[in-house]
């Protein structure tokens, strides 16, 4: 399934709840208590767009730089913290 910002890319459902994940907050500097949502069906986690509130990008402990999106698929807003993290990763580790 293609990511559209409204449905879980893993299971296709659209039911989410806010969660707090201290491990993801340590790995990703852009994850906060108020922007992390969990798919109720399969458990996939996403940060939400600060601009429109839709799903911004999926976050997972195994995701590296290429797996993180820094532009909202719904409103085209850029999350500067995500962009900086992606840029740092590409500069530090090359084009993964």
PDB file of N, CA and C in Angstrom:
ATOM      1  N   UNK A   1       0.833  -1.185   0.000  1.00  0.00           N
ATOM      2  CA  UNK A   1       0.000   0.000   0.000  1.00  0.00           C
ATOM      3  C   UNK A   1       0.878   1.249   0.000  1.00  0.00           C
ATOM      4  N   UNK A   2       0.532   2.221  -0.824  1.00  0.00           N
ATOM      5  CA  UNK A   2       1.251   3.490  -0.861  1.00  0.00           C
ATOM      6  C   UNK A   2       0.835   4.353   0.320  1.00  0.00           C
ATOM      7  N   UNK A   3       1.775   5.069   0.870  1.00  0.00           N
ATOM      8  CA  UNK A   3       1.508   5.936   2.008  1.00  0.00           C
ATOM      9  C   UNK A   3       0.779   7.188   1.550  1.00  0.00           C
ATOM     10  N   UNK A   4      -0.396   7.471   2.148  1.00  0.00           N
ATOM     11  CA  UNK A   4      -1.182   8.640   1.752  1.00  0.00           C
ATOM     12  C   UNK A   4      -1.368   9.655   2.875  1.00  0.00           C
ATOM     13  N   UNK A   5      -0.822   9.385   4.045  1.00  0.00           N
ATOM     14  CA  UNK A   5      -0.955  10.307   5.164  1.00  0.00           C
ATOM     15  C   UNK A   5      -2.213  10.122   5.989  1.00  0.00           C
ATOM     16  N   UNK A   6      -3.090   9.241   5.556  1.00  0.00           N
ATOM     17  CA  UNK A   6      -4.330   9.004   6.289  1.00  0.00           C
ATOM     18  C   UNK A   6      -4.503   7.556   6.728  1.00  0.00           C
ATOM     19  N   UNK A   7      -3.846   6.646   6.050  1.00  0.00           N
ATOM     20  CA  UNK A   7      -3.994   5.219   6.328  1.00  0.00           C
ATOM     21  C   UNK A   7      -2.638   4.606   6.680  1.00  0.00           C
ATOM     22  N   UNK A   8      -2.685   3.598   7.502  1.00  0.00           N
ATOM     23  CA  UNK A   8      -1.477   2.868   7.867  1.00  0.00           C
ATOM     24  C   UNK A   8      -0.915   2.174   6.635  1.00  0.00           C
ATOM     25  N   UNK A   9       0.357   2.339   6.399  1.00  0.00           N
ATOM     26  CA  UNK A   9       0.995   1.721   5.241  1.00  0.00           C
ATOM     27  C   UNK A   9       1.131   0.209   5.422  1.00  0.00           C
ATOM     28  N   UNK A  10       1.063  -0.259   6.639  1.00  0.00           N
ATOM     29  CA  UNK A  10       1.203  -1.689   6.903  1.00  0.00           C
ATOM     30  C   UNK A  10      -0.108  -2.459   6.730  1.00  0.00           C
ATOM     31  N   UNK A  11      -1.211  -1.907   7.265  1.00  0.00           N
ATOM     32  CA  UNK A  11      -2.468  -2.663   7.253  1.00  0.00           C
ATOM     33  C   UNK A  11      -3.613  -1.954   6.523  1.00  0.00           C
ATOM     34  N   UNK A  12      -3.431  -0.689   6.184  1.00  0.00           N
ATOM     35  CA  UNK A  12      -4.455   0.042   5.450  1.00  0.00           C
ATOM     36  C   UNK A  12      -5.558   0.664   6.292  1.00  0.00           C
ATOM     37  N   UNK A  13      -5.525   0.455   7.588  1.00  0.00           N
ATOM     38  CA  UNK A  13      -6.578   0.990   8.460  1.00  0.00           C
ATOM     39  C   UNK A  13      -6.337   2.468   8.748  1.00  0.00           C
ATOM     40  N   UNK A  14      -7.326   3.116   9.341  1.00  0.00           N
ATOM     41  CA  UNK A  14      -7.217   4.545   9.618  1.00  0.00           C
ATOM     42  C   UNK A  14      -7.604   4.900  11.051  1.00  0.00           C
ATOM     43  N   UNK A  15      -7.375   3.996  11.993  1.00  0.00           N
ATOM     44  CA  UNK A  15      -7.672   4.241  13.395  1.00  0.00           C
ATOM     45  C   UNK A  15      -6.373   4.305  14.185  1.00  0.00           C
ATOM     46  N   UNK A  16      -6.120   5.471  14.810  1.00  0.00           N
ATOM     47  CA  UNK A  16      -4.867   5.715  15.518  1.00  0.00           C
ATOM     48  C   UNK A  16      -5.135   6.330  16.875  1.00  0.00           C
ATOM     49  N   UNK A  17      -4.165   6.182  17.779  1.00  0.00           N
ATOM     50  CA  UNK A  17      -4.235   6.844  19.070  1.00  0.00           C
ATOM     51  C   UNK A  17      -2.866   7.400  19.413  1.00  0.00           C
ATOM     52  N   UNK A  18      -2.841   8.516  20.147  1.00  0.00           N
ATOM     53  CA  UNK A  18      -1.579   9.096  20.601  1.00  0.00           C
ATOM     54  C   UNK A  18      -0.913   8.150  21.596  1.00  0.00           C
ATOM     55  N   UNK A  19       0.401   8.007  21.480  1.00  0.00           N
ATOM     56  CA  UNK A  19       1.158   7.169  22.403  1.00  0.00           C
ATOM     57  C   UNK A  19       2.450   7.873  22.782  1.00  0.00           C
ATOM     58  N   UNK A  20       3.078   7.377  23.827  1.00  0.00           N
ATOM     59  CA  UNK A  20       4.375   7.866  24.269  1.00  0.00           C
ATOM     60  C   UNK A  20       5.354   6.704  24.176  1.00  0.00           C
ATOM     61  N   UNK A  21       6.452   6.892  23.477  1.00  0.00           N
ATOM     62  CA  UNK A  21       7.443   5.829  23.317  1.00  0.00           C
ATOM     63  C   UNK A  21       8.821   6.412  23.589  1.00  0.00           C
ATOM     64  N   UNK A  22       9.348   6.163  24.769  1.00  0.00           N
ATOM     65  CA  UNK A  22      10.628   6.757  25.170  1.00  0.00           C
ATOM     66  C   UNK A  22      11.791   6.260  24.321  1.00  0.00           C
ATOM     67  N   UNK A  23      11.719   5.055  23.808  1.00  0.00           N
ATOM     68  CA  UNK A  23      12.804   4.533  22.966  1.00  0.00           C
ATOM     69  C   UNK A  23      12.831   5.265  21.630  1.00  0.00           C
ATOM     70  N   UNK A  24      11.668   5.442  21.000  1.00  0.00           N
ATOM     71  CA  UNK A  24      11.624   6.182  19.734  1.00  0.00           C
ATOM     72  C   UNK A  24      12.010   7.643  19.932  1.00  0.00           C
ATOM     73  N   UNK A  25      11.667   8.217  21.090  1.00  0.00           N
ATOM     74  CA  UNK A  25      12.053   9.605  21.357  1.00  0.00           C
ATOM     75  C   UNK A  25      13.569   9.734  21.464  1.00  0.00           C
ATOM     76  N   UNK A  26      14.239   8.710  21.965  1.00  0.00           N
ATOM     77  CA  UNK A  26      15.707   8.752  22.041  1.00  0.00           C
ATOM     78  C   UNK A  26      16.337   8.571  20.668  1.00  0.00           C
ATOM     79  N   UNK A  27      15.758   7.724  19.831  1.00  0.00           N
ATOM     80  CA  UNK A  27      16.331   7.470  18.503  1.00  0.00           C
ATOM     81  C   UNK A  27      16.076   8.621  17.544  1.00  0.00           C
ATOM     82  N   UNK A  28      14.873   9.176  17.585  1.00  0.00           N
ATOM     83  CA  UNK A  28      14.482  10.231  16.650  1.00  0.00           C
ATOM     84  C   UNK A  28      14.238  11.524  17.413  1.00  0.00           C
ATOM     85  N   UNK A  29      15.040  12.562  17.198  1.00  0.00           N
ATOM     86  CA  UNK A  29      14.874  13.807  17.957  1.00  0.00           C
ATOM     87  C   UNK A  29      13.583  14.553  17.635  1.00  0.00           C
ATOM     88  N   UNK A  30      12.881  14.149  16.598  1.00  0.00           N
ATOM     89  CA  UNK A  30      11.647  14.818  16.208  1.00  0.00           C
ATOM     90  C   UNK A  30      10.403  14.133  16.762  1.00  0.00           C
ATOM     91  N   UNK A  31      10.552  13.039  17.489  1.00  0.00           N
ATOM     92  CA  UNK A  31       9.410  12.364  18.117  1.00  0.00           C
ATOM     93  C   UNK A  31       9.169  13.001  19.481  1.00  0.00           C
ATOM     94  N   UNK A  32       7.909  13.416  19.701  1.00  0.00           N
ATOM     95  CA  UNK A  32       7.500  14.027  20.970  1.00  0.00           C
ATOM     96  C   UNK A  32       6.309  13.253  21.539  1.00  0.00           C
ATOM     97  N   UNK A  33       5.922  13.592  22.752  1.00  0.00           N
ATOM     98  CA  UNK A  33       4.754  12.950  23.366  1.00  0.00           C
ATOM     99  C   UNK A  33       3.463  13.290  22.632  1.00  0.00           C
ATOM    100  N   UNK A  34       3.415  14.470  22.016  1.00  0.00           N
ATOM    101  CA  UNK A  34       2.169  14.921  21.401  1.00  0.00           C
ATOM    102  C   UNK A  34       2.108  14.724  19.888  1.00  0.00           C
ATOM    103  N   UNK A  35       3.089  14.011  19.305  1.00  0.00           N
ATOM    104  CA  UNK A  35       3.047  13.842  17.842  1.00  0.00           C
ATOM    105  C   UNK A  35       3.252  12.404  17.381  1.00  0.00           C
ATOM    106  N   UNK A  36       3.152  11.448  18.271  1.00  0.00           N
ATOM    107  CA  UNK A  36       3.359  10.048  17.911  1.00  0.00           C
ATOM    108  C   UNK A  36       2.035   9.291  18.003  1.00  0.00           C
ATOM    109  N   UNK A  37       1.635   8.699  16.890  1.00  0.00           N
ATOM    110  CA  UNK A  37       0.394   7.924  16.853  1.00  0.00           C
ATOM    111  C   UNK A  37       0.677   6.468  16.533  1.00  0.00           C
ATOM    112  N   UNK A  38      -0.145   5.618  17.123  1.00  0.00           N
ATOM    113  CA  UNK A  38      -0.053   4.169  16.973  1.00  0.00           C
ATOM    114  C   UNK A  38      -1.281   3.681  16.215  1.00  0.00           C
ATOM    115  N   UNK A  39      -1.062   2.843  15.192  1.00  0.00           N
ATOM    116  CA  UNK A  39      -2.175   2.207  14.500  1.00  0.00           C
ATOM    117  C   UNK A  39      -2.784   1.189  15.461  1.00  0.00           C
ATOM    118  N   UNK A  40      -4.055   1.345  15.730  1.00  0.00           N
ATOM    119  CA  UNK A  40      -4.733   0.465  16.681  1.00  0.00           C
ATOM    120  C   UNK A  40      -4.773  -0.970  16.184  1.00  0.00           C
ATOM    121  N   UNK A  41      -4.788  -1.170  14.881  1.00  0.00           N
ATOM    122  CA  UNK A  41      -4.889  -2.513  14.307  1.00  0.00           C
ATOM    123  C   UNK A  41      -3.567  -3.276  14.358  1.00  0.00           C
ATOM    124  N   UNK A  42      -2.481  -2.670  13.870  1.00  0.00           N
ATOM    125  CA  UNK A  42      -1.234  -3.435  13.728  1.00  0.00           C
ATOM    126  C   UNK A  42      -0.067  -2.935  14.587  1.00  0.00           C
ATOM    127  N   UNK A  43      -0.194  -1.760  15.180  1.00  0.00           N
ATOM    128  CA  UNK A  43       0.857  -1.258  16.061  1.00  0.00           C
ATOM    129  C   UNK A  43       1.920  -0.401  15.397  1.00  0.00           C
ATOM    130  N   UNK A  44       1.810  -0.142  14.096  1.00  0.00           N
ATOM    131  CA  UNK A  44       2.777   0.723  13.419  1.00  0.00           C
ATOM    132  C   UNK A  44       2.675   2.128  14.005  1.00  0.00           C
ATOM    133  N   UNK A  45       3.821   2.820  14.114  1.00  0.00           N
ATOM    134  CA  UNK A  45       3.837   4.154  14.710  1.00  0.00           C
ATOM    135  C   UNK A  45       4.249   5.192  13.675  1.00  0.00           C
ATOM    136  N   UNK A  46       3.616   6.354  13.797  1.00  0.00           N
ATOM    137  CA  UNK A  46       3.830   7.467  12.872  1.00  0.00           C
ATOM    138  C   UNK A  46       3.921   8.764  13.660  1.00  0.00           C
ATOM    139  N   UNK A  47       4.725   9.704  13.173  1.00  0.00           N
ATOM    140  CA  UNK A  47       4.599  11.052  13.716  1.00  0.00           C
ATOM    141  C   UNK A  47       3.557  11.750  12.867  1.00  0.00           C
ATOM    142  N   UNK A  48       2.916  12.737  13.457  1.00  0.00           N
ATOM    143  CA  UNK A  48       1.895  13.475  12.727  1.00  0.00           C
ATOM    144  C   UNK A  48       2.444  14.830  12.288  1.00  0.00           C
ATOM    145  N   UNK A  49       1.849  15.369  11.256  1.00  0.00           N
ATOM    146  CA  UNK A  49       2.249  16.653  10.696  1.00  0.00           C
ATOM    147  C   UNK A  49       1.837  17.775  11.644  1.00  0.00           C
ATOM    148  N   UNK A  50       2.764  18.663  11.968  1.00  0.00           N
ATOM    149  CA  UNK A  50       2.450  19.803  12.826  1.00  0.00           C
ATOM    150  C   UNK A  50       1.534  20.799  12.117  1.00  0.00           C
ATOM    151  N   UNK A  51       1.501  20.747  10.798  1.00  0.00           N
ATOM    152  CA  UNK A  51       0.703  21.692  10.014  1.00  0.00           C
ATOM    153  C   UNK A  51      -0.748  21.227   9.846  1.00  0.00           C
ATOM    154  N   UNK A  52      -0.961  19.986   9.370  1.00  0.00           N
ATOM    155  CA  UNK A  52      -2.319  19.537   9.053  1.00  0.00           C
ATOM    156  C   UNK A  52      -2.849  18.450   9.985  1.00  0.00           C
ATOM    157  N   UNK A  53      -1.981  17.812  10.758  1.00  0.00           N
ATOM    158  CA  UNK A  53      -2.418  16.785  11.702  1.00  0.00           C
ATOM    159  C   UNK A  53      -2.516  15.380  11.141  1.00  0.00           C
ATOM    160  N   UNK A  54      -2.289  15.215   9.845  1.00  0.00           N
ATOM    161  CA  UNK A  54      -2.302  13.865   9.263  1.00  0.00           C
ATOM    162  C   UNK A  54      -0.988  13.152   9.548  1.00  0.00           C
ATOM    163  N   UNK A  55      -0.920  11.887   9.188  1.00  0.00           N
ATOM    164  CA  UNK A  55       0.297  11.122   9.399  1.00  0.00           C
ATOM    165  C   UNK A  55       1.413  11.713   8.551  1.00  0.00           C
ATOM    166  N   UNK A  56       2.585  11.886   9.145  1.00  0.00           N
ATOM    167  CA  UNK A  56       3.713  12.503   8.452  1.00  0.00           C
ATOM    168  C   UNK A  56       4.678  11.454   7.904  1.00  0.00           C
ATOM    169  N   UNK A  57       5.207  10.618   8.792  1.00  0.00           N
ATOM    170  CA  UNK A  57       6.099   9.538   8.380  1.00  0.00           C
ATOM    171  C   UNK A  57       6.059   8.431   9.414  1.00  0.00           C
ATOM    172  N   UNK A  58       6.299   7.225   8.960  1.00  0.00           N
ATOM    173  CA  UNK A  58       6.358   6.090   9.878  1.00  0.00           C
ATOM    174  C   UNK A  58       7.706   6.107  10.571  1.00  0.00           C
ATOM    175  N   UNK A  59       7.722   5.766  11.838  1.00  0.00           N
ATOM    176  CA  UNK A  59       8.962   5.634  12.590  1.00  0.00           C
ATOM    177  C   UNK A  59       8.999   4.246  13.208  1.00  0.00           C
ATOM    178  N   UNK A  60      10.162   3.660  13.148  1.00  0.00           N
ATOM    179  CA  UNK A  60      10.361   2.300  13.643  1.00  0.00           C
ATOM    180  C   UNK A  60      11.825   2.186  14.019  1.00  0.00           C
ATOM    181  N   UNK A  61      12.136   1.349  14.973  1.00  0.00           N
ATOM    182  CA  UNK A  61      13.532   1.224  15.410  1.00  0.00           C
ATOM    183  C   UNK A  61      14.468   0.793  14.295  1.00  0.00           C
ATOM    184  N   UNK A  62      13.957   0.078  13.310  1.00  0.00           N
ATOM    185  CA  UNK A  62      14.835  -0.385  12.229  1.00  0.00           C
ATOM    186  C   UNK A  62      14.916   0.591  11.055  1.00  0.00           C
ATOM    187  N   UNK A  63      14.120   1.661  11.067  1.00  0.00           N
ATOM    188  CA  UNK A  63      14.169   2.635   9.972  1.00  0.00           C
ATOM    189  C   UNK A  63      15.458   3.436  10.036  1.00  0.00           C
ATOM    190  N   UNK A  64      16.084   3.556   8.918  1.00  0.00           N
ATOM    191  CA  UNK A  64      17.254   4.409   8.788  1.00  0.00           C
ATOM    192  C   UNK A  64      16.861   5.598   7.933  1.00  0.00           C
ATOM    193  N   UNK A  65      17.816   6.388   7.527  1.00  0.00           N
ATOM    194  CA  UNK A  65      17.553   7.630   6.791  1.00  0.00           C
ATOM    195  C   UNK A  65      16.633   7.439   5.580  1.00  0.00           C
ATOM    196  N   UNK A  66      16.875   6.451   4.701  1.00  0.00           N
ATOM    197  CA  UNK A  66      16.007   6.348   3.517  1.00  0.00           C
ATOM    198  C   UNK A  66      14.552   6.018   3.827  1.00  0.00           C
ATOM    199  N   UNK A  67      14.253   5.503   5.001  1.00  0.00           N
ATOM    200  CA  UNK A  67      12.893   5.133   5.338  1.00  0.00           C
ATOM    201  C   UNK A  67      12.065   6.250   5.953  1.00  0.00           C
ATOM    202  N   UNK A  68      12.673   7.425   6.150  1.00  0.00           N
ATOM    203  CA  UNK A  68      11.988   8.529   6.806  1.00  0.00           C
ATOM    204  C   UNK A  68      11.669   9.609   5.778  1.00  0.00           C
ATOM    205  N   UNK A  69      10.415  10.041   5.755  1.00  0.00           N
ATOM    206  CA  UNK A  69       9.945  11.080   4.839  1.00  0.00           C
ATOM    207  C   UNK A  69       9.987  12.417   5.569  1.00  0.00           C
ATOM    208  N   UNK A  70      10.459  13.483   4.904  1.00  0.00           N
ATOM    209  CA  UNK A  70      10.528  14.784   5.573  1.00  0.00           C
ATOM    210  C   UNK A  70       9.561  15.823   5.012  1.00  0.00           C
ATOM    211  N   UNK A  71       8.665  15.414   4.101  1.00  0.00           N
ATOM    212  CA  UNK A  71       7.638  16.298   3.556  1.00  0.00           C
ATOM    213  C   UNK A  71       6.286  15.605   3.705  1.00  0.00           C
ATOM    214  N   UNK A  72       5.308  16.309   4.253  1.00  0.00           N
ATOM    215  CA  UNK A  72       3.973  15.745   4.472  1.00  0.00           C
ATOM    216  C   UNK A  72       3.328  15.380   3.140  1.00  0.00           C
ATOM    217  N   UNK A  73       2.827  14.167   3.037  1.00  0.00           N
ATOM    218  CA  UNK A  73       2.172  13.694   1.816  1.00  0.00           C
ATOM    219  C   UNK A  73       0.823  14.376   1.589  1.00  0.00           C
ATOM    220  N   UNK A  74       0.248  14.956   2.627  1.00  0.00           N
ATOM    221  CA  UNK A  74      -1.068  15.575   2.523  1.00  0.00           C
ATOM    222  C   UNK A  74      -0.991  17.060   2.188  1.00  0.00           C
ATOM    223  N   UNK A  75      -0.176  17.826   2.934  1.00  0.00           N
ATOM    224  CA  UNK A  75      -0.160  19.285   2.758  1.00  0.00           C
ATOM    225  C   UNK A  75       1.165  19.829   2.246  1.00  0.00           C
ATOM    226  N   UNK A  76       2.136  18.961   2.002  1.00  0.00           N
ATOM    227  CA  UNK A  76       3.470  19.331   1.499  1.00  0.00           C
ATOM    228  C   UNK A  76       4.283  20.183   2.462  1.00  0.00           C
ATOM    229  N   UNK A  77       3.910  20.224   3.731  1.00  0.00           N
ATOM    230  CA  UNK A  77       4.695  20.950   4.732  1.00  0.00           C
ATOM    231  C   UNK A  77       5.977  20.174   5.009  1.00  0.00           C
ATOM    232  N   UNK A  78       7.034  20.894   5.309  1.00  0.00           N
ATOM    233  CA  UNK A  78       8.310  20.285   5.668  1.00  0.00           C
ATOM    234  C   UNK A  78       8.481  20.359   7.174  1.00  0.00           C
ATOM    235  N   UNK A  79       8.938  19.278   7.760  1.00  0.00           N
ATOM    236  CA  UNK A  79       9.262  19.259   9.180  1.00  0.00           C
ATOM    237  C   UNK A  79      10.767  19.486   9.266  1.00  0.00           C
ATOM    238  N   UNK A  80      11.177  20.655   9.746  1.00  0.00           N
ATOM    239  CA  UNK A  80      12.597  21.017   9.762  1.00  0.00           C
ATOM    240  C   UNK A  80      13.448  20.067  10.595  1.00  0.00           C
ATOM    241  N   UNK A  81      12.922  19.584  11.713  1.00  0.00           N
ATOM    242  CA  UNK A  81      13.701  18.653  12.539  1.00  0.00           C
ATOM    243  C   UNK A  81      13.923  17.333  11.804  1.00  0.00           C
ATOM    244  N   UNK A  82      12.915  16.863  11.082  1.00  0.00           N
ATOM    245  CA  UNK A  82      13.064  15.634  10.304  1.00  0.00           C
ATOM    246  C   UNK A  82      14.063  15.868   9.176  1.00  0.00           C
ATOM    247  N   UNK A  83      13.941  16.998   8.485  1.00  0.00           N
ATOM    248  CA  UNK A  83      14.859  17.312   7.377  1.00  0.00           C
ATOM    249  C   UNK A  83      16.299  17.386   7.852  1.00  0.00           C
ATOM    250  N   UNK A  84      16.528  18.005   8.999  1.00  0.00           N
ATOM    251  CA  UNK A  84      17.884  18.092   9.551  1.00  0.00           C
ATOM    252  C   UNK A  84      18.416  16.708   9.891  1.00  0.00           C
ATOM    253  N   UNK A  85      17.565  15.855  10.456  1.00  0.00           N
ATOM    254  CA  UNK A  85      17.982  14.504  10.811  1.00  0.00           C
ATOM    255  C   UNK A  85      18.349  13.715   9.563  1.00  0.00           C
ATOM    256  N   UNK A  86      17.528  13.832   8.519  1.00  0.00           N
ATOM    257  CA  UNK A  86      17.798  13.135   7.254  1.00  0.00           C
ATOM    258  C   UNK A  86      19.101  13.652   6.642  1.00  0.00           C
ATOM    259  N   UNK A  87      19.262  14.974   6.601  1.00  0.00           N
ATOM    260  CA  UNK A  87      20.476  15.573   6.028  1.00  0.00           C
ATOM    261  C   UNK A  87      21.710  15.115   6.792  1.00  0.00           C
ATOM    262  N   UNK A  88      21.651  15.134   8.106  1.00  0.00           N
ATOM    263  CA  UNK A  88      22.781  14.693   8.922  1.00  0.00           C
ATOM    264  C   UNK A  88      23.121  13.235   8.634  1.00  0.00           C
ATOM    265  N   UNK A  89      22.098  12.398   8.515  1.00  0.00           N
ATOM    266  CA  UNK A  89      22.326  10.979   8.246  1.00  0.00           C
ATOM    267  C   UNK A  89      22.967  10.743   6.897  1.00  0.00           C
ATOM    268  N   UNK A  90      22.531  11.459   5.884  1.00  0.00           N
ATOM    269  CA  UNK A  90      23.104  11.295   4.549  1.00  0.00           C
ATOM    270  C   UNK A  90      24.543  11.794   4.525  1.00  0.00           C
ATOM    271  N   UNK A  91      24.806  12.932   5.172  1.00  0.00           N
ATOM    272  CA  UNK A  91      26.172  13.468   5.204  1.00  0.00           C
ATOM    273  C   UNK A  91      27.092  12.566   6.010  1.00  0.00           C
ATOM    274  N   UNK A  92      26.579  11.985   7.086  1.00  0.00           N
ATOM    275  CA  UNK A  92      27.415  11.162   7.959  1.00  0.00           C
ATOM    276  C   UNK A  92      27.675   9.770   7.402  1.00  0.00           C
ATOM    277  N   UNK A  93      26.679   9.197   6.760  1.00  0.00           N
ATOM    278  CA  UNK A  93      26.776   7.804   6.347  1.00  0.00           C
ATOM    279  C   UNK A  93      26.761   7.603   4.840  1.00  0.00           C
ATOM    280  N   UNK A  94      26.713   8.689   4.076  1.00  0.00           N
ATOM    281  CA  UNK A  94      26.646   8.566   2.630  1.00  0.00           C
ATOM    282  C   UNK A  94      25.220   8.303   2.199  1.00  0.00           C
ATOM    283  N   UNK A  95      25.014   8.104   0.957  1.00  0.00           N
ATOM    284  CA  UNK A  95      23.678   7.855   0.422  1.00  0.00           C
ATOM    285  C   UNK A  95      23.326   6.397   0.664  1.00  0.00           C
ATOM    286  N   UNK A  96      22.644   6.142   1.762  1.00  0.00           N
ATOM    287  CA  UNK A  96      22.325   4.774   2.168  1.00  0.00           C
ATOM    288  C   UNK A  96      21.401   4.195   1.169  1.00  0.00           C
TER     289      UNK A  96
END
